[in-house]
N, C-alpha and C. Protein backbone atom coordinates (compact mmCIF):
# COMPACT_ATOMS: atom_id res chain seq x y z
N GLY A 1 -23.14 7.42 1.09
CA GLY A 1 -22.06 7.97 0.36
C GLY A 1 -22.45 9.25 -0.36
N GLN A 2 -21.69 9.56 -1.35
CA GLN A 2 -21.86 10.80 -2.10
C GLN A 2 -23.20 10.84 -2.84
N VAL A 3 -23.64 9.70 -3.39
CA VAL A 3 -24.91 9.66 -4.12
C VAL A 3 -26.06 9.97 -3.16
N THR A 4 -26.03 9.35 -1.98
CA THR A 4 -27.06 9.59 -0.97
C THR A 4 -27.08 11.05 -0.56
N ASN A 5 -25.92 11.65 -0.39
CA ASN A 5 -25.84 13.07 -0.02
C ASN A 5 -26.49 13.94 -1.09
N GLN A 6 -26.21 13.64 -2.36
CA GLN A 6 -26.80 14.42 -3.45
C GLN A 6 -28.33 14.27 -3.44
N ILE A 7 -28.81 13.06 -3.23
CA ILE A 7 -30.25 12.82 -3.19
C ILE A 7 -30.87 13.60 -2.04
N ASN A 8 -30.21 13.57 -0.89
CA ASN A 8 -30.75 14.24 0.29
C ASN A 8 -30.72 15.76 0.17
N GLN A 9 -29.90 16.29 -0.72
CA GLN A 9 -29.82 17.74 -0.91
C GLN A 9 -31.01 18.29 -1.69
N LEU A 10 -31.79 17.39 -2.30
CA LEU A 10 -32.99 17.85 -3.00
C LEU A 10 -33.94 18.42 -1.97
N GLY A 11 -34.61 19.49 -2.33
CA GLY A 11 -35.51 20.17 -1.39
C GLY A 11 -36.74 19.36 -1.05
N SER A 12 -37.48 19.85 -0.08
CA SER A 12 -38.68 19.15 0.38
C SER A 12 -39.75 19.07 -0.71
N ASP A 13 -39.67 19.94 -1.71
CA ASP A 13 -40.62 19.87 -2.82
C ASP A 13 -40.24 18.78 -3.83
N SER A 14 -39.14 18.10 -3.58
CA SER A 14 -38.66 17.05 -4.49
C SER A 14 -38.68 15.67 -3.83
N THR A 15 -39.60 15.47 -2.91
CA THR A 15 -39.62 14.19 -2.19
C THR A 15 -39.90 13.02 -3.11
N GLN A 16 -40.71 13.21 -4.14
CA GLN A 16 -40.98 12.11 -5.07
C GLN A 16 -39.71 11.72 -5.82
N LEU A 17 -38.96 12.72 -6.28
CA LEU A 17 -37.70 12.44 -6.97
C LEU A 17 -36.71 11.78 -6.02
N GLN A 18 -36.64 12.26 -4.78
CA GLN A 18 -35.76 11.64 -3.78
C GLN A 18 -36.08 10.17 -3.62
N ASP A 19 -37.36 9.86 -3.50
CA ASP A 19 -37.79 8.48 -3.30
C ASP A 19 -37.43 7.62 -4.50
N LEU A 20 -37.71 8.10 -5.69
CA LEU A 20 -37.41 7.34 -6.91
C LEU A 20 -35.91 7.12 -7.08
N LEU A 21 -35.11 8.14 -6.82
CA LEU A 21 -33.66 8.01 -6.95
C LEU A 21 -33.09 7.07 -5.90
N THR A 22 -33.65 7.11 -4.70
CA THR A 22 -33.20 6.19 -3.65
C THR A 22 -33.50 4.75 -4.05
N GLN A 23 -34.68 4.52 -4.60
CA GLN A 23 -35.04 3.17 -5.06
C GLN A 23 -34.10 2.71 -6.17
N LEU A 24 -33.81 3.61 -7.10
CA LEU A 24 -32.92 3.29 -8.21
C LEU A 24 -31.51 2.99 -7.71
N LYS A 25 -31.02 3.79 -6.79
CA LYS A 25 -29.69 3.59 -6.19
C LYS A 25 -29.62 2.22 -5.53
N THR A 26 -30.64 1.87 -4.76
CA THR A 26 -30.68 0.58 -4.08
C THR A 26 -30.70 -0.57 -5.08
N ALA A 27 -31.48 -0.43 -6.14
CA ALA A 27 -31.55 -1.47 -7.16
C ALA A 27 -30.20 -1.68 -7.83
N ILE A 28 -29.50 -0.59 -8.12
CA ILE A 28 -28.18 -0.70 -8.75
C ILE A 28 -27.19 -1.36 -7.80
N GLU A 29 -27.17 -0.89 -6.56
CA GLU A 29 -26.21 -1.42 -5.59
C GLU A 29 -26.43 -2.90 -5.29
N SER A 30 -27.67 -3.34 -5.33
CA SER A 30 -27.95 -4.73 -4.96
C SER A 30 -27.92 -5.70 -6.15
N GLU A 31 -27.61 -5.18 -7.34
CA GLU A 31 -27.59 -6.03 -8.53
C GLU A 31 -26.28 -6.80 -8.61
N SER A 32 -26.36 -8.10 -8.34
CA SER A 32 -25.15 -8.94 -8.27
C SER A 32 -24.57 -9.26 -9.64
N THR A 33 -25.37 -9.21 -10.70
CA THR A 33 -24.85 -9.57 -12.03
C THR A 33 -24.21 -8.39 -12.75
N LEU A 34 -24.25 -7.22 -12.15
CA LEU A 34 -23.67 -6.03 -12.78
C LEU A 34 -22.22 -5.87 -12.32
N PRO A 35 -21.28 -5.78 -13.25
CA PRO A 35 -19.87 -5.58 -12.86
C PRO A 35 -19.71 -4.29 -12.04
N GLU A 36 -18.74 -4.28 -11.14
CA GLU A 36 -18.53 -3.13 -10.25
C GLU A 36 -18.33 -1.82 -11.03
N THR A 37 -17.61 -1.88 -12.15
CA THR A 37 -17.40 -0.65 -12.91
C THR A 37 -18.71 -0.11 -13.46
N ASP A 38 -19.59 -1.01 -13.92
CA ASP A 38 -20.91 -0.58 -14.41
C ASP A 38 -21.75 -0.01 -13.28
N LYS A 39 -21.67 -0.65 -12.11
CA LYS A 39 -22.40 -0.14 -10.94
C LYS A 39 -21.94 1.27 -10.61
N SER A 40 -20.64 1.44 -10.57
CA SER A 40 -20.06 2.74 -10.25
C SER A 40 -20.51 3.80 -11.25
N ASP A 41 -20.46 3.46 -12.54
CA ASP A 41 -20.88 4.39 -13.58
C ASP A 41 -22.37 4.72 -13.47
N ALA A 42 -23.19 3.71 -13.21
CA ALA A 42 -24.64 3.93 -13.09
C ALA A 42 -24.96 4.78 -11.87
N LEU A 43 -24.25 4.55 -10.76
CA LEU A 43 -24.48 5.35 -9.56
C LEU A 43 -24.06 6.80 -9.78
N GLU A 44 -23.05 7.00 -10.59
CA GLU A 44 -22.63 8.36 -10.93
C GLU A 44 -23.76 9.08 -11.68
N GLN A 45 -24.48 8.34 -12.51
CA GLN A 45 -25.61 8.92 -13.25
C GLN A 45 -26.78 9.24 -12.31
N VAL A 46 -26.98 8.41 -11.29
CA VAL A 46 -28.01 8.70 -10.29
C VAL A 46 -27.65 10.01 -9.58
N GLU A 47 -26.38 10.17 -9.28
CA GLU A 47 -25.91 11.41 -8.65
C GLU A 47 -26.18 12.61 -9.57
N LYS A 48 -25.93 12.43 -10.87
CA LYS A 48 -26.19 13.52 -11.83
C LYS A 48 -27.68 13.84 -11.89
N LEU A 49 -28.53 12.82 -11.79
CA LEU A 49 -29.97 13.05 -11.77
C LEU A 49 -30.37 13.85 -10.53
N ALA A 50 -29.74 13.52 -9.40
CA ALA A 50 -30.04 14.25 -8.16
C ALA A 50 -29.61 15.72 -8.31
N GLN A 51 -28.45 15.94 -8.90
CA GLN A 51 -27.98 17.31 -9.12
C GLN A 51 -28.93 18.04 -10.07
N ALA A 52 -29.33 17.37 -11.13
CA ALA A 52 -30.23 17.97 -12.12
C ALA A 52 -31.59 18.27 -11.50
N GLY A 53 -31.98 17.48 -10.52
CA GLY A 53 -33.28 17.65 -9.86
C GLY A 53 -33.40 18.94 -9.06
N GLN A 54 -32.28 19.59 -8.82
CA GLN A 54 -32.33 20.85 -8.09
C GLN A 54 -32.88 21.97 -8.97
N ALA A 55 -32.86 21.77 -10.28
CA ALA A 55 -33.44 22.74 -11.23
C ALA A 55 -33.90 21.94 -12.46
N PRO A 56 -34.99 21.16 -12.30
CA PRO A 56 -35.40 20.22 -13.36
C PRO A 56 -35.63 20.85 -14.73
N ALA A 57 -36.26 22.00 -14.77
CA ALA A 57 -36.58 22.62 -16.06
C ALA A 57 -35.32 22.96 -16.86
N GLU A 58 -34.28 23.40 -16.17
CA GLU A 58 -33.04 23.78 -16.85
C GLU A 58 -32.15 22.57 -17.16
N ASN A 59 -32.47 21.43 -16.59
CA ASN A 59 -31.57 20.28 -16.71
C ASN A 59 -32.20 19.08 -17.43
N LYS A 60 -33.17 19.34 -18.30
CA LYS A 60 -33.83 18.23 -19.01
C LYS A 60 -32.84 17.39 -19.80
N SER A 61 -31.95 18.05 -20.56
CA SER A 61 -31.03 17.28 -21.40
C SER A 61 -30.03 16.51 -20.55
N ARG A 62 -29.60 17.10 -19.45
CA ARG A 62 -28.69 16.39 -18.54
C ARG A 62 -29.37 15.16 -17.94
N ALA A 63 -30.63 15.31 -17.57
CA ALA A 63 -31.38 14.19 -17.02
C ALA A 63 -31.58 13.11 -18.07
N LYS A 64 -31.89 13.51 -19.30
CA LYS A 64 -32.10 12.53 -20.38
C LYS A 64 -30.84 11.73 -20.63
N ARG A 65 -29.70 12.40 -20.65
CA ARG A 65 -28.43 11.68 -20.86
C ARG A 65 -28.18 10.67 -19.74
N ALA A 66 -28.44 11.07 -18.51
CA ALA A 66 -28.22 10.16 -17.37
C ALA A 66 -29.17 8.97 -17.45
N ILE A 67 -30.43 9.23 -17.77
CA ILE A 67 -31.41 8.14 -17.89
C ILE A 67 -31.03 7.20 -19.01
N ASP A 68 -30.65 7.75 -20.16
CA ASP A 68 -30.24 6.92 -21.30
C ASP A 68 -29.03 6.07 -20.95
N PHE A 69 -28.10 6.64 -20.20
CA PHE A 69 -26.90 5.89 -19.79
C PHE A 69 -27.29 4.71 -18.90
N ILE A 70 -28.16 4.97 -17.93
CA ILE A 70 -28.58 3.89 -17.02
C ILE A 70 -29.32 2.81 -17.80
N LYS A 71 -30.18 3.22 -18.73
CA LYS A 71 -30.89 2.24 -19.58
C LYS A 71 -29.89 1.37 -20.33
N SER A 72 -28.87 1.99 -20.92
CA SER A 72 -27.90 1.22 -21.71
C SER A 72 -27.10 0.27 -20.83
N THR A 73 -26.93 0.62 -19.57
CA THR A 73 -26.21 -0.25 -18.63
C THR A 73 -26.96 -1.56 -18.42
N THR A 74 -28.28 -1.51 -18.51
CA THR A 74 -29.09 -2.71 -18.25
C THR A 74 -29.34 -3.53 -19.50
N GLU A 75 -28.90 -3.07 -20.66
CA GLU A 75 -29.21 -3.76 -21.91
C GLU A 75 -28.70 -5.19 -21.99
N GLY A 76 -27.60 -5.50 -21.36
CA GLY A 76 -27.07 -6.85 -21.43
C GLY A 76 -27.68 -7.80 -20.41
N LEU A 77 -28.57 -7.29 -19.58
CA LEU A 77 -29.18 -8.11 -18.53
C LEU A 77 -30.48 -8.73 -19.02
N THR A 78 -30.89 -9.83 -18.41
CA THR A 78 -32.11 -10.50 -18.83
C THR A 78 -33.35 -9.71 -18.42
N GLU A 79 -34.44 -9.95 -19.11
CA GLU A 79 -35.70 -9.25 -18.85
C GLU A 79 -36.22 -9.50 -17.43
N THR A 80 -35.88 -10.64 -16.86
CA THR A 80 -36.39 -10.98 -15.52
C THR A 80 -35.50 -10.42 -14.41
N ASN A 81 -34.43 -9.78 -14.79
CA ASN A 81 -33.49 -9.21 -13.83
C ASN A 81 -34.17 -8.13 -12.99
N LYS A 82 -33.87 -8.10 -11.70
CA LYS A 82 -34.50 -7.12 -10.80
C LYS A 82 -34.16 -5.68 -11.17
N LEU A 83 -32.93 -5.43 -11.58
CA LEU A 83 -32.54 -4.07 -11.96
C LEU A 83 -33.28 -3.63 -13.23
N VAL A 84 -33.40 -4.54 -14.20
CA VAL A 84 -34.15 -4.23 -15.42
C VAL A 84 -35.58 -3.88 -15.07
N ASP A 85 -36.18 -4.68 -14.20
CA ASP A 85 -37.56 -4.46 -13.77
C ASP A 85 -37.68 -3.10 -13.06
N ALA A 86 -36.76 -2.82 -12.17
CA ALA A 86 -36.78 -1.54 -11.43
C ALA A 86 -36.63 -0.37 -12.40
N CYS A 87 -35.74 -0.49 -13.36
CA CYS A 87 -35.51 0.59 -14.33
C CYS A 87 -36.75 0.83 -15.19
N LYS A 88 -37.45 -0.23 -15.55
CA LYS A 88 -38.66 -0.08 -16.36
C LYS A 88 -39.72 0.72 -15.62
N LYS A 89 -39.74 0.60 -14.31
CA LYS A 89 -40.72 1.33 -13.50
C LYS A 89 -40.22 2.73 -13.13
N LEU A 90 -38.97 2.80 -12.70
CA LEU A 90 -38.43 4.04 -12.12
C LEU A 90 -38.01 5.08 -13.15
N LEU A 91 -37.35 4.66 -14.23
CA LEU A 91 -36.82 5.64 -15.18
C LEU A 91 -37.92 6.48 -15.86
N PRO A 92 -39.04 5.87 -16.29
CA PRO A 92 -40.11 6.71 -16.85
C PRO A 92 -40.68 7.70 -15.82
N ALA A 93 -40.82 7.25 -14.58
CA ALA A 93 -41.34 8.13 -13.52
C ALA A 93 -40.37 9.28 -13.25
N ILE A 94 -39.08 8.97 -13.22
CA ILE A 94 -38.06 10.02 -13.03
C ILE A 94 -38.09 10.98 -14.21
N GLY A 95 -38.17 10.42 -15.42
CA GLY A 95 -38.23 11.25 -16.61
C GLY A 95 -39.40 12.22 -16.60
N LEU A 96 -40.55 11.77 -16.14
CA LEU A 96 -41.73 12.64 -16.07
C LEU A 96 -41.48 13.85 -15.19
N LEU A 97 -40.74 13.65 -14.11
CA LEU A 97 -40.44 14.77 -13.21
C LEU A 97 -39.57 15.83 -13.87
N PHE A 98 -38.89 15.45 -14.93
CA PHE A 98 -38.08 16.39 -15.69
C PHE A 98 -38.81 16.83 -16.97
N GLY A 99 -40.05 16.39 -17.13
CA GLY A 99 -40.81 16.74 -18.32
C GLY A 99 -40.40 15.95 -19.54
N LEU A 100 -39.85 14.74 -19.32
CA LEU A 100 -39.38 13.90 -20.40
C LEU A 100 -40.33 12.71 -20.60
N ALA A 101 -40.56 12.32 -21.83
CA ALA A 101 -41.31 11.11 -22.12
C ALA A 101 -40.29 10.01 -22.40
N ILE A 102 -40.16 9.08 -21.48
CA ILE A 102 -39.15 8.02 -21.61
C ILE A 102 -39.80 6.73 -22.08
């Protein structure tokens, strides 16, 4: 879909970000305990991260907002939840690519 297209538009120098965003997208889509509206909103933030990744230095604040939004989406889920686990690993790594300490 549209999120995948945005991820794929990242240049060849952004393969690490592409991989991390793809993993995050998959984790969100496969999370059965997340309501569809929350999934949709979180995937929209992944798309924003992909867009921001085209010029990471200029888009730090945009990336931070998207990461914070995705984090808040997982707050109601249990610690053992797969999406929570994925976010704990992926969001800090994504943040580093934007020069953010998450």
